[in-house]
Amino acid sequence: MAWWTEWWIWAAAAIVLAVLEVFVPAYLFLGFAGGAAIIAGLFWFGGPFAAWMAATLPVTLLAFAVVSLAAWLVLRKSLGVQRGQVKTFDHDIND
């Protein structure tokens, strides 16, 4: 069994990326952490998608990239700047 098919490696990567997000608070690593957690869950539960994903390392990394992008977009939609939210300044801080 290849190392990239082990669910606990993906879970550990998700934890490391989530901790890294604490030190770099820009919602940059949170999408990757979510993607790694979802990939870990897919490998843990198994099934046909996990078997297809475990075929080669590039297929696994492609699935990780797609899932991470989807997780980042969901986080951006729920935590990011909302539509109509514009920051305006009516005075200069130097006045």
PDB file of N, CA and C in Angstrom:
ATOM      1  N   MET A   1       0.846  -1.185   0.000  1.00  0.00           N
ATOM      2  CA  MET A   1       0.000   0.000   0.000  1.00  0.00           C
ATOM      3  C   MET A   1       0.890   1.246   0.000  1.00  0.00           C
ATOM      4  N   ALA A   2       0.563   2.201  -0.828  1.00  0.00           N
ATOM      5  CA  ALA A   2       1.369   3.411  -0.970  1.00  0.00           C
ATOM      6  C   ALA A   2       1.076   4.380   0.180  1.00  0.00           C
ATOM      7  N   TRP A   3       2.040   5.224   0.472  1.00  0.00           N
ATOM      8  CA  TRP A   3       1.892   6.146   1.602  1.00  0.00           C
ATOM      9  C   TRP A   3       0.786   7.165   1.366  1.00  0.00           C
ATOM     10  N   TRP A   4       0.514   7.543   0.120  1.00  0.00           N
ATOM     11  CA  TRP A   4      -0.496   8.570  -0.123  1.00  0.00           C
ATOM     12  C   TRP A   4      -1.920   8.036   0.009  1.00  0.00           C
ATOM     13  N   THR A   5      -2.072   6.745   0.202  1.00  0.00           N
ATOM     14  CA  THR A   5      -3.404   6.175   0.399  1.00  0.00           C
ATOM     15  C   THR A   5      -3.735   5.960   1.871  1.00  0.00           C
ATOM     16  N   GLU A   6      -2.842   6.318   2.749  1.00  0.00           N
ATOM     17  CA  GLU A   6      -3.090   6.175   4.184  1.00  0.00           C
ATOM     18  C   GLU A   6      -3.908   7.364   4.674  1.00  0.00           C
ATOM     19  N   TRP A   7      -5.035   7.073   5.310  1.00  0.00           N
ATOM     20  CA  TRP A   7      -5.928   8.142   5.744  1.00  0.00           C
ATOM     21  C   TRP A   7      -5.306   8.986   6.838  1.00  0.00           C
ATOM     22  N   TRP A   8      -4.506   8.385   7.703  1.00  0.00           N
ATOM     23  CA  TRP A   8      -3.953   9.124   8.827  1.00  0.00           C
ATOM     24  C   TRP A   8      -2.901  10.134   8.387  1.00  0.00           C
ATOM     25  N   ILE A   9      -2.249   9.889   7.256  1.00  0.00           N
ATOM     26  CA  ILE A   9      -1.290  10.874   6.735  1.00  0.00           C
ATOM     27  C   ILE A   9      -2.035  12.124   6.285  1.00  0.00           C
ATOM     28  N   TRP A  10      -3.173  11.935   5.619  1.00  0.00           N
ATOM     29  CA  TRP A  10      -3.977  13.075   5.187  1.00  0.00           C
ATOM     30  C   TRP A  10      -4.589  13.795   6.387  1.00  0.00           C
ATOM     31  N   ALA A  11      -4.972  13.046   7.425  1.00  0.00           N
ATOM     32  CA  ALA A  11      -5.516  13.677   8.639  1.00  0.00           C
ATOM     33  C   ALA A  11      -4.434  14.488   9.348  1.00  0.00           C
ATOM     34  N   ALA A  12      -3.225  13.958   9.407  1.00  0.00           N
ATOM     35  CA  ALA A  12      -2.121  14.700  10.017  1.00  0.00           C
ATOM     36  C   ALA A  12      -1.798  15.957   9.209  1.00  0.00           C
ATOM     37  N   ALA A  13      -1.859  15.842   7.891  1.00  0.00           N
ATOM     38  CA  ALA A  13      -1.625  17.023   7.048  1.00  0.00           C
ATOM     39  C   ALA A  13      -2.714  18.071   7.277  1.00  0.00           C
ATOM     40  N   ALA A  14      -3.949  17.626   7.466  1.00  0.00           N
ATOM     41  CA  ALA A  14      -5.044  18.567   7.737  1.00  0.00           C
ATOM     42  C   ALA A  14      -4.807  19.298   9.055  1.00  0.00           C
ATOM     43  N   ILE A  15      -4.344  18.583  10.058  1.00  0.00           N
ATOM     44  CA  ILE A  15      -4.077  19.219  11.356  1.00  0.00           C
ATOM     45  C   ILE A  15      -2.921  20.199  11.249  1.00  0.00           C
ATOM     46  N   VAL A  16      -1.861  19.812  10.562  1.00  0.00           N
ATOM     47  CA  VAL A  16      -0.708  20.710  10.386  1.00  0.00           C
ATOM     48  C   VAL A  16      -1.123  21.968   9.629  1.00  0.00           C
ATOM     49  N   LEU A  17      -1.920  21.813   8.592  1.00  0.00           N
ATOM     50  CA  LEU A  17      -2.365  22.978   7.816  1.00  0.00           C
ATOM     51  C   LEU A  17      -3.307  23.863   8.633  1.00  0.00           C
ATOM     52  N   ALA A  18      -4.142  23.267   9.467  1.00  0.00           N
ATOM     53  CA  ALA A  18      -5.030  24.064  10.317  1.00  0.00           C
ATOM     54  C   ALA A  18      -4.227  24.841  11.361  1.00  0.00           C
ATOM     55  N   VAL A  19      -3.197  24.229  11.919  1.00  0.00           N
ATOM     56  CA  VAL A  19      -2.334  24.937  12.872  1.00  0.00           C
ATOM     57  C   VAL A  19      -1.563  26.039  12.162  1.00  0.00           C
ATOM     58  N   LEU A  20      -1.115  25.776  10.952  1.00  0.00           N
ATOM     59  CA  LEU A  20      -0.417  26.793  10.173  1.00  0.00           C
ATOM     60  C   LEU A  20      -1.331  27.980   9.882  1.00  0.00           C
ATOM     61  N   GLU A  21      -2.612  27.721   9.724  1.00  0.00           N
ATOM     62  CA  GLU A  21      -3.570  28.809   9.490  1.00  0.00           C
ATOM     63  C   GLU A  21      -3.646  29.745  10.693  1.00  0.00           C
ATOM     64  N   VAL A  22      -3.422  29.220  11.893  1.00  0.00           N
ATOM     65  CA  VAL A  22      -3.428  30.060  13.089  1.00  0.00           C
ATOM     66  C   VAL A  22      -2.290  31.070  13.035  1.00  0.00           C
ATOM     67  N   PHE A  23      -1.159  30.650  12.502  1.00  0.00           N
ATOM     68  CA  PHE A  23      -0.001  31.541  12.432  1.00  0.00           C
ATOM     69  C   PHE A  23      -0.047  32.475  11.225  1.00  0.00           C
ATOM     70  N   VAL A  24      -0.767  32.109  10.186  1.00  0.00           N
ATOM     71  CA  VAL A  24      -0.924  32.942   9.000  1.00  0.00           C
ATOM     72  C   VAL A  24      -2.420  33.125   8.766  1.00  0.00           C
ATOM     73  N   PRO A  25      -3.053  34.034   9.510  1.00  0.00           N
ATOM     74  CA  PRO A  25      -4.521  34.140   9.450  1.00  0.00           C
ATOM     75  C   PRO A  25      -5.005  34.880   8.205  1.00  0.00           C
ATOM     76  N   ALA A  26      -5.071  34.174   7.106  1.00  0.00           N
ATOM     77  CA  ALA A  26      -5.534  34.796   5.871  1.00  0.00           C
ATOM     78  C   ALA A  26      -6.500  33.898   5.122  1.00  0.00           C
ATOM     79  N   TYR A  27      -7.017  32.855   5.770  1.00  0.00           N
ATOM     80  CA  TYR A  27      -7.870  31.845   5.137  1.00  0.00           C
ATOM     81  C   TYR A  27      -7.173  31.196   3.952  1.00  0.00           C
ATOM     82  N   LEU A  28      -5.867  31.179   3.980  1.00  0.00           N
ATOM     83  CA  LEU A  28      -5.111  30.579   2.889  1.00  0.00           C
ATOM     84  C   LEU A  28      -4.978  29.071   3.080  1.00  0.00           C
ATOM     85  N   PHE A  29      -4.567  28.656   4.262  1.00  0.00           N
ATOM     86  CA  PHE A  29      -4.328  27.240   4.515  1.00  0.00           C
ATOM     87  C   PHE A  29      -5.577  26.505   4.978  1.00  0.00           C
ATOM     88  N   LEU A  30      -6.626  27.232   5.318  1.00  0.00           N
ATOM     89  CA  LEU A  30      -7.840  26.589   5.823  1.00  0.00           C
ATOM     90  C   LEU A  30      -8.532  25.774   4.733  1.00  0.00           C
ATOM     91  N   GLY A  31      -8.503  26.247   3.500  1.00  0.00           N
ATOM     92  CA  GLY A  31      -9.071  25.487   2.396  1.00  0.00           C
ATOM     93  C   GLY A  31      -8.291  24.206   2.133  1.00  0.00           C
ATOM     94  N   PHE A  32      -6.964  24.309   2.227  1.00  0.00           N
ATOM     95  CA  PHE A  32      -6.130  23.118   2.065  1.00  0.00           C
ATOM     96  C   PHE A  32      -6.352  22.134   3.213  1.00  0.00           C
ATOM     97  N   ALA A  33      -6.532  22.659   4.430  1.00  0.00           N
ATOM     98  CA  ALA A  33      -6.797  21.785   5.577  1.00  0.00           C
ATOM     99  C   ALA A  33      -8.128  21.065   5.403  1.00  0.00           C
ATOM    100  N   GLY A  34      -9.124  21.787   4.927  1.00  0.00           N
ATOM    101  CA  GLY A  34     -10.417  21.152   4.665  1.00  0.00           C
ATOM    102  C   GLY A  34     -10.320  20.102   3.575  1.00  0.00           C
ATOM    103  N   GLY A  35      -9.572  20.397   2.532  1.00  0.00           N
ATOM    104  CA  GLY A  35      -9.376  19.429   1.456  1.00  0.00           C
ATOM    105  C   GLY A  35      -8.664  18.178   1.940  1.00  0.00           C
ATOM    106  N   ALA A  36      -7.643  18.357   2.763  1.00  0.00           N
ATOM    107  CA  ALA A  36      -6.924  17.197   3.296  1.00  0.00           C
ATOM    108  C   ALA A  36      -7.815  16.382   4.228  1.00  0.00           C
ATOM    109  N   ALA A  37      -8.657  17.055   5.002  1.00  0.00           N
ATOM    110  CA  ALA A  37      -9.577  16.342   5.893  1.00  0.00           C
ATOM    111  C   ALA A  37     -10.605  15.543   5.095  1.00  0.00           C
ATOM    112  N   ILE A  38     -11.095  16.110   4.008  1.00  0.00           N
ATOM    113  CA  ILE A  38     -12.071  15.394   3.181  1.00  0.00           C
ATOM    114  C   ILE A  38     -11.415  14.195   2.492  1.00  0.00           C
ATOM    115  N   ILE A  39     -10.194  14.367   2.005  1.00  0.00           N
ATOM    116  CA  ILE A  39      -9.475  13.254   1.393  1.00  0.00           C
ATOM    117  C   ILE A  39      -9.214  12.162   2.436  1.00  0.00           C
ATOM    118  N   ALA A  40      -8.868  12.556   3.667  1.00  0.00           N
ATOM    119  CA  ALA A  40      -8.665  11.567   4.733  1.00  0.00           C
ATOM    120  C   ALA A  40      -9.958  10.799   4.998  1.00  0.00           C
ATOM    121  N   GLY A  41     -11.074  11.508   5.015  1.00  0.00           N
ATOM    122  CA  GLY A  41     -12.351  10.830   5.214  1.00  0.00           C
ATOM    123  C   GLY A  41     -12.694   9.886   4.083  1.00  0.00           C
ATOM    124  N   LEU A  42     -12.397  10.288   2.861  1.00  0.00           N
ATOM    125  CA  LEU A  42     -12.661   9.411   1.722  1.00  0.00           C
ATOM    126  C   LEU A  42     -11.813   8.138   1.778  1.00  0.00           C
ATOM    127  N   PHE A  43     -10.540   8.283   2.168  1.00  0.00           N
ATOM    128  CA  PHE A  43      -9.699   7.094   2.285  1.00  0.00           C
ATOM    129  C   PHE A  43     -10.110   6.233   3.480  1.00  0.00           C
ATOM    130  N   TRP A  44     -10.601   6.871   4.542  1.00  0.00           N
ATOM    131  CA  TRP A  44     -10.986   6.120   5.733  1.00  0.00           C
ATOM    132  C   TRP A  44     -12.237   5.288   5.466  1.00  0.00           C
ATOM    133  N   PHE A  45     -13.232   5.897   4.806  1.00  0.00           N
ATOM    134  CA  PHE A  45     -14.476   5.185   4.542  1.00  0.00           C
ATOM    135  C   PHE A  45     -14.369   4.248   3.339  1.00  0.00           C
ATOM    136  N   GLY A  46     -13.427   4.494   2.479  1.00  0.00           N
ATOM    137  CA  GLY A  46     -13.222   3.625   1.322  1.00  0.00           C
ATOM    138  C   GLY A  46     -14.259   3.864   0.245  1.00  0.00           C
ATOM    139  N   GLY A  47     -14.561   2.839  -0.494  1.00  0.00           N
ATOM    140  CA  GLY A  47     -15.543   2.955  -1.561  1.00  0.00           C
ATOM    141  C   GLY A  47     -14.890   3.051  -2.922  1.00  0.00           C
ATOM    142  N   PRO A  48     -15.711   3.150  -3.956  1.00  0.00           N
ATOM    143  CA  PRO A  48     -15.156   3.172  -5.322  1.00  0.00           C
ATOM    144  C   PRO A  48     -14.354   4.431  -5.623  1.00  0.00           C
ATOM    145  N   PHE A  49     -14.766   5.576  -5.061  1.00  0.00           N
ATOM    146  CA  PHE A  49     -14.022   6.804  -5.330  1.00  0.00           C
ATOM    147  C   PHE A  49     -12.636   6.739  -4.705  1.00  0.00           C
ATOM    148  N   ALA A  50     -12.542   6.175  -3.502  1.00  0.00           N
ATOM    149  CA  ALA A  50     -11.237   6.050  -2.844  1.00  0.00           C
ATOM    150  C   ALA A  50     -10.343   5.079  -3.616  1.00  0.00           C
ATOM    151  N   ALA A  51     -10.930   4.032  -4.163  1.00  0.00           N
ATOM    152  CA  ALA A  51     -10.139   3.082  -4.945  1.00  0.00           C
ATOM    153  C   ALA A  51      -9.629   3.730  -6.229  1.00  0.00           C
ATOM    154  N   TRP A  52     -10.467   4.552  -6.867  1.00  0.00           N
ATOM    155  CA  TRP A  52     -10.041   5.260  -8.074  1.00  0.00           C
ATOM    156  C   TRP A  52      -8.971   6.286  -7.738  1.00  0.00           C
ATOM    157  N   MET A  53      -9.154   6.969  -6.601  1.00  0.00           N
ATOM    158  CA  MET A  53      -8.231   8.017  -6.205  1.00  0.00           C
ATOM    159  C   MET A  53      -6.870   7.443  -5.818  1.00  0.00           C
ATOM    160  N   ALA A  54      -6.832   6.238  -5.303  1.00  0.00           N
ATOM    161  CA  ALA A  54      -5.581   5.634  -4.851  1.00  0.00           C
ATOM    162  C   ALA A  54      -4.776   5.032  -5.992  1.00  0.00           C
ATOM    163  N   ALA A  55      -5.248   5.151  -7.207  1.00  0.00           N
ATOM    164  CA  ALA A  55      -4.572   4.518  -8.348  1.00  0.00           C
ATOM    165  C   ALA A  55      -3.137   5.019  -8.487  1.00  0.00           C
ATOM    166  N   THR A  56      -2.955   6.312  -8.584  1.00  0.00           N
ATOM    167  CA  THR A  56      -1.621   6.893  -8.707  1.00  0.00           C
ATOM    168  C   THR A  56      -1.549   8.169  -7.886  1.00  0.00           C
ATOM    169  N   LEU A  57      -0.349   8.605  -7.614  1.00  0.00           N
ATOM    170  CA  LEU A  57      -0.153   9.839  -6.852  1.00  0.00           C
ATOM    171  C   LEU A  57      -0.711  11.060  -7.584  1.00  0.00           C
ATOM    172  N   PRO A  58      -0.505  11.231  -8.899  1.00  0.00           N
ATOM    173  CA  PRO A  58      -1.080  12.395  -9.571  1.00  0.00           C
ATOM    174  C   PRO A  58      -2.608  12.460  -9.485  1.00  0.00           C
ATOM    175  N   VAL A  59      -3.269  11.311  -9.542  1.00  0.00           N
ATOM    176  CA  VAL A  59      -4.731  11.308  -9.430  1.00  0.00           C
ATOM    177  C   VAL A  59      -5.142  11.747  -8.028  1.00  0.00           C
ATOM    178  N   THR A  60      -4.430  11.274  -7.022  1.00  0.00           N
ATOM    179  CA  THR A  60      -4.725  11.668  -5.649  1.00  0.00           C
ATOM    180  C   THR A  60      -4.490  13.155  -5.448  1.00  0.00           C
ATOM    181  N   LEU A  61      -3.401  13.677  -5.969  1.00  0.00           N
ATOM    182  CA  LEU A  61      -3.112  15.105  -5.822  1.00  0.00           C
ATOM    183  C   LEU A  61      -4.112  15.962  -6.594  1.00  0.00           C
ATOM    184  N   LEU A  62      -4.559  15.472  -7.738  1.00  0.00           N
ATOM    185  CA  LEU A  62      -5.583  16.200  -8.482  1.00  0.00           C
ATOM    186  C   LEU A  62      -6.889  16.245  -7.698  1.00  0.00           C
ATOM    187  N   ALA A  63      -7.270  15.129  -7.112  1.00  0.00           N
ATOM    188  CA  ALA A  63      -8.484  15.106  -6.286  1.00  0.00           C
ATOM    189  C   ALA A  63      -8.327  16.035  -5.093  1.00  0.00           C
ATOM    190  N   PHE A  64      -7.156  16.049  -4.470  1.00  0.00           N
ATOM    191  CA  PHE A  64      -6.891  16.954  -3.346  1.00  0.00           C
ATOM    192  C   PHE A  64      -6.999  18.412  -3.779  1.00  0.00           C
ATOM    193  N   ALA A  65      -6.465  18.737  -4.939  1.00  0.00           N
ATOM    194  CA  ALA A  65      -6.527  20.113  -5.436  1.00  0.00           C
ATOM    195  C   ALA A  65      -7.964  20.534  -5.707  1.00  0.00           C
ATOM    196  N   VAL A  66      -8.741  19.675  -6.319  1.00  0.00           N
ATOM    197  CA  VAL A  66     -10.134  20.012  -6.642  1.00  0.00           C
ATOM    198  C   VAL A  66     -10.956  20.162  -5.362  1.00  0.00           C
ATOM    199  N   VAL A  67     -10.782  19.243  -4.426  1.00  0.00           N
ATOM    200  CA  VAL A  67     -11.528  19.312  -3.169  1.00  0.00           C
ATOM    201  C   VAL A  67     -11.089  20.526  -2.354  1.00  0.00           C
ATOM    202  N   SER A  68      -9.802  20.842  -2.353  1.00  0.00           N
ATOM    203  CA  SER A  68      -9.310  22.023  -1.631  1.00  0.00           C
ATOM    204  C   SER A  68      -9.857  23.305  -2.237  1.00  0.00           C
ATOM    205  N   LEU A  69      -9.920  23.369  -3.550  1.00  0.00           N
ATOM    206  CA  LEU A  69     -10.487  24.548  -4.200  1.00  0.00           C
ATOM    207  C   LEU A  69     -11.960  24.705  -3.836  1.00  0.00           C
ATOM    208  N   ALA A  70     -12.686  23.611  -3.843  1.00  0.00           N
ATOM    209  CA  ALA A  70     -14.104  23.668  -3.462  1.00  0.00           C
ATOM    210  C   ALA A  70     -14.255  24.097  -2.006  1.00  0.00           C
ATOM    211  N   ALA A  71     -13.415  23.566  -1.122  1.00  0.00           N
ATOM    212  CA  ALA A  71     -13.472  23.954   0.290  1.00  0.00           C
ATOM    213  C   ALA A  71     -13.129  25.429   0.461  1.00  0.00           C
ATOM    214  N   TRP A  72     -12.123  25.906  -0.269  1.00  0.00           N
ATOM    215  CA  TRP A  72     -11.745  27.318  -0.171  1.00  0.00           C
ATOM    216  C   TRP A  72     -12.862  28.219  -0.673  1.00  0.00           C
ATOM    217  N   LEU A  73     -13.519  27.830  -1.766  1.00  0.00           N
ATOM    218  CA  LEU A  73     -14.623  28.635  -2.288  1.00  0.00           C
ATOM    219  C   LEU A  73     -15.792  28.682  -1.310  1.00  0.00           C
ATOM    220  N   VAL A  74     -16.088  27.570  -0.670  1.00  0.00           N
ATOM    221  CA  VAL A  74     -17.154  27.559   0.342  1.00  0.00           C
ATOM    222  C   VAL A  74     -16.783  28.448   1.518  1.00  0.00           C
ATOM    223  N   LEU A  75     -15.535  28.351   1.975  1.00  0.00           N
ATOM    224  CA  LEU A  75     -15.091  29.211   3.075  1.00  0.00           C
ATOM    225  C   LEU A  75     -15.091  30.678   2.668  1.00  0.00           C
ATOM    226  N   ARG A  76     -14.687  30.963   1.464  1.00  0.00           N
ATOM    227  CA  ARG A  76     -14.672  32.352   0.984  1.00  0.00           C
ATOM    228  C   ARG A  76     -16.088  32.911   0.924  1.00  0.00           C
ATOM    229  N   LYS A  77     -17.025  32.077   0.485  1.00  0.00           N
ATOM    230  CA  LYS A  77     -18.414  32.513   0.392  1.00  0.00           C
ATOM    231  C   LYS A  77     -19.009  32.744   1.779  1.00  0.00           C
ATOM    232  N   SER A  78     -18.671  31.884   2.737  1.00  0.00           N
ATOM    233  CA  SER A  78     -19.279  32.004   4.060  1.00  0.00           C
ATOM    234  C   SER A  78     -18.526  32.949   4.994  1.00  0.00           C
ATOM    235  N   LEU A  79     -17.215  33.065   4.869  1.00  0.00           N
ATOM    236  CA  LEU A  79     -16.432  33.894   5.783  1.00  0.00           C
ATOM    237  C   LEU A  79     -15.866  35.157   5.151  1.00  0.00           C
ATOM    238  N   GLY A  80     -15.887  35.258   3.854  1.00  0.00           N
ATOM    239  CA  GLY A  80     -15.257  36.376   3.165  1.00  0.00           C
ATOM    240  C   GLY A  80     -16.115  37.629   3.169  1.00  0.00           C
ATOM    241  N   VAL A  81     -15.708  38.587   2.390  1.00  0.00           N
ATOM    242  CA  VAL A  81     -16.433  39.843   2.270  1.00  0.00           C
ATOM    243  C   VAL A  81     -17.773  39.577   1.592  1.00  0.00           C
ATOM    244  N   GLN A  82     -18.813  40.028   2.228  1.00  0.00           N
ATOM    245  CA  GLN A  82     -20.150  39.815   1.691  1.00  0.00           C
ATOM    246  C   GLN A  82     -20.476  40.890   0.649  1.00  0.00           C
ATOM    247  N   ARG A  83     -21.406  40.579  -0.226  1.00  0.00           N
ATOM    248  CA  ARG A  83     -21.812  41.514  -1.280  1.00  0.00           C
ATOM    249  C   ARG A  83     -22.434  42.752  -0.638  1.00  0.00           C
ATOM    250  N   GLY A  84     -22.025  43.904  -1.097  1.00  0.00           N
ATOM    251  CA  GLY A  84     -22.555  45.159  -0.578  1.00  0.00           C
ATOM    252  C   GLY A  84     -21.802  45.674   0.635  1.00  0.00           C
ATOM    253  N   GLN A  85     -20.859  44.932   1.130  1.00  0.00           N
ATOM    254  CA  GLN A  85     -20.092  45.351   2.295  1.00  0.00           C
ATOM    255  C   GLN A  85     -18.872  46.126   1.796  1.00  0.00           C
ATOM    256  N   VAL A  86     -18.970  47.425   1.868  1.00  0.00           N
ATOM    257  CA  VAL A  86     -17.903  48.280   1.381  1.00  0.00           C
ATOM    258  C   VAL A  86     -17.409  49.124   2.542  1.00  0.00           C
ATOM    259  N   LYS A  87     -16.111  49.199   2.698  1.00  0.00           N
ATOM    260  CA  LYS A  87     -15.523  49.994   3.761  1.00  0.00           C
ATOM    261  C   LYS A  87     -15.319  51.414   3.244  1.00  0.00           C
ATOM    262  N   THR A  88     -15.945  52.364   3.886  1.00  0.00           N
ATOM    263  CA  THR A  88     -15.799  53.769   3.479  1.00  0.00           C
ATOM    264  C   THR A  88     -15.229  54.572   4.635  1.00  0.00           C
ATOM    265  N   PHE A  89     -14.478  55.575   4.293  1.00  0.00           N
ATOM    266  CA  PHE A  89     -13.892  56.473   5.274  1.00  0.00           C
ATOM    267  C   PHE A  89     -14.445  57.866   5.023  1.00  0.00           C
ATOM    268  N   ASP A  90     -14.988  58.486   6.048  1.00  0.00           N
ATOM    269  CA  ASP A  90     -15.539  59.818   5.868  1.00  0.00           C
ATOM    270  C   ASP A  90     -14.619  60.912   6.432  1.00  0.00           C
ATOM    271  N   HIS A  91     -13.520  60.508   7.036  1.00  0.00           N
ATOM    272  CA  HIS A  91     -12.566  61.498   7.506  1.00  0.00           C
ATOM    273  C   HIS A  91     -11.150  60.907   7.464  1.00  0.00           C
ATOM    274  N   ASP A  92     -10.189  61.779   7.464  1.00  0.00           N
ATOM    275  CA  ASP A  92      -8.803  61.366   7.432  1.00  0.00           C
ATOM    276  C   ASP A  92      -8.316  61.206   8.864  1.00  0.00           C
ATOM    277  N   ILE A  93      -7.545  60.156   9.128  1.00  0.00           N
ATOM    278  CA  ILE A  93      -7.084  59.931  10.493  1.00  0.00           C
ATOM    279  C   ILE A  93      -6.056  60.967  10.921  1.00  0.00           C
ATOM    280  N   ASN A  94      -5.500  61.718   9.987  1.00  0.00           N
ATOM    281  CA  ASN A  94      -4.501  62.729  10.314  1.00  0.00           C
ATOM    282  C   ASN A  94      -5.123  64.085  10.644  1.00  0.00           C
ATOM    283  N   ASP A  95      -6.423  64.225  10.484  1.00  0.00           N
ATOM    284  CA  ASP A  95      -7.081  65.519  10.793  1.00  0.00           C
ATOM    285  C   ASP A  95      -7.306  65.688  12.260  1.00  0.00           C
TER     286      ASP A  95
END
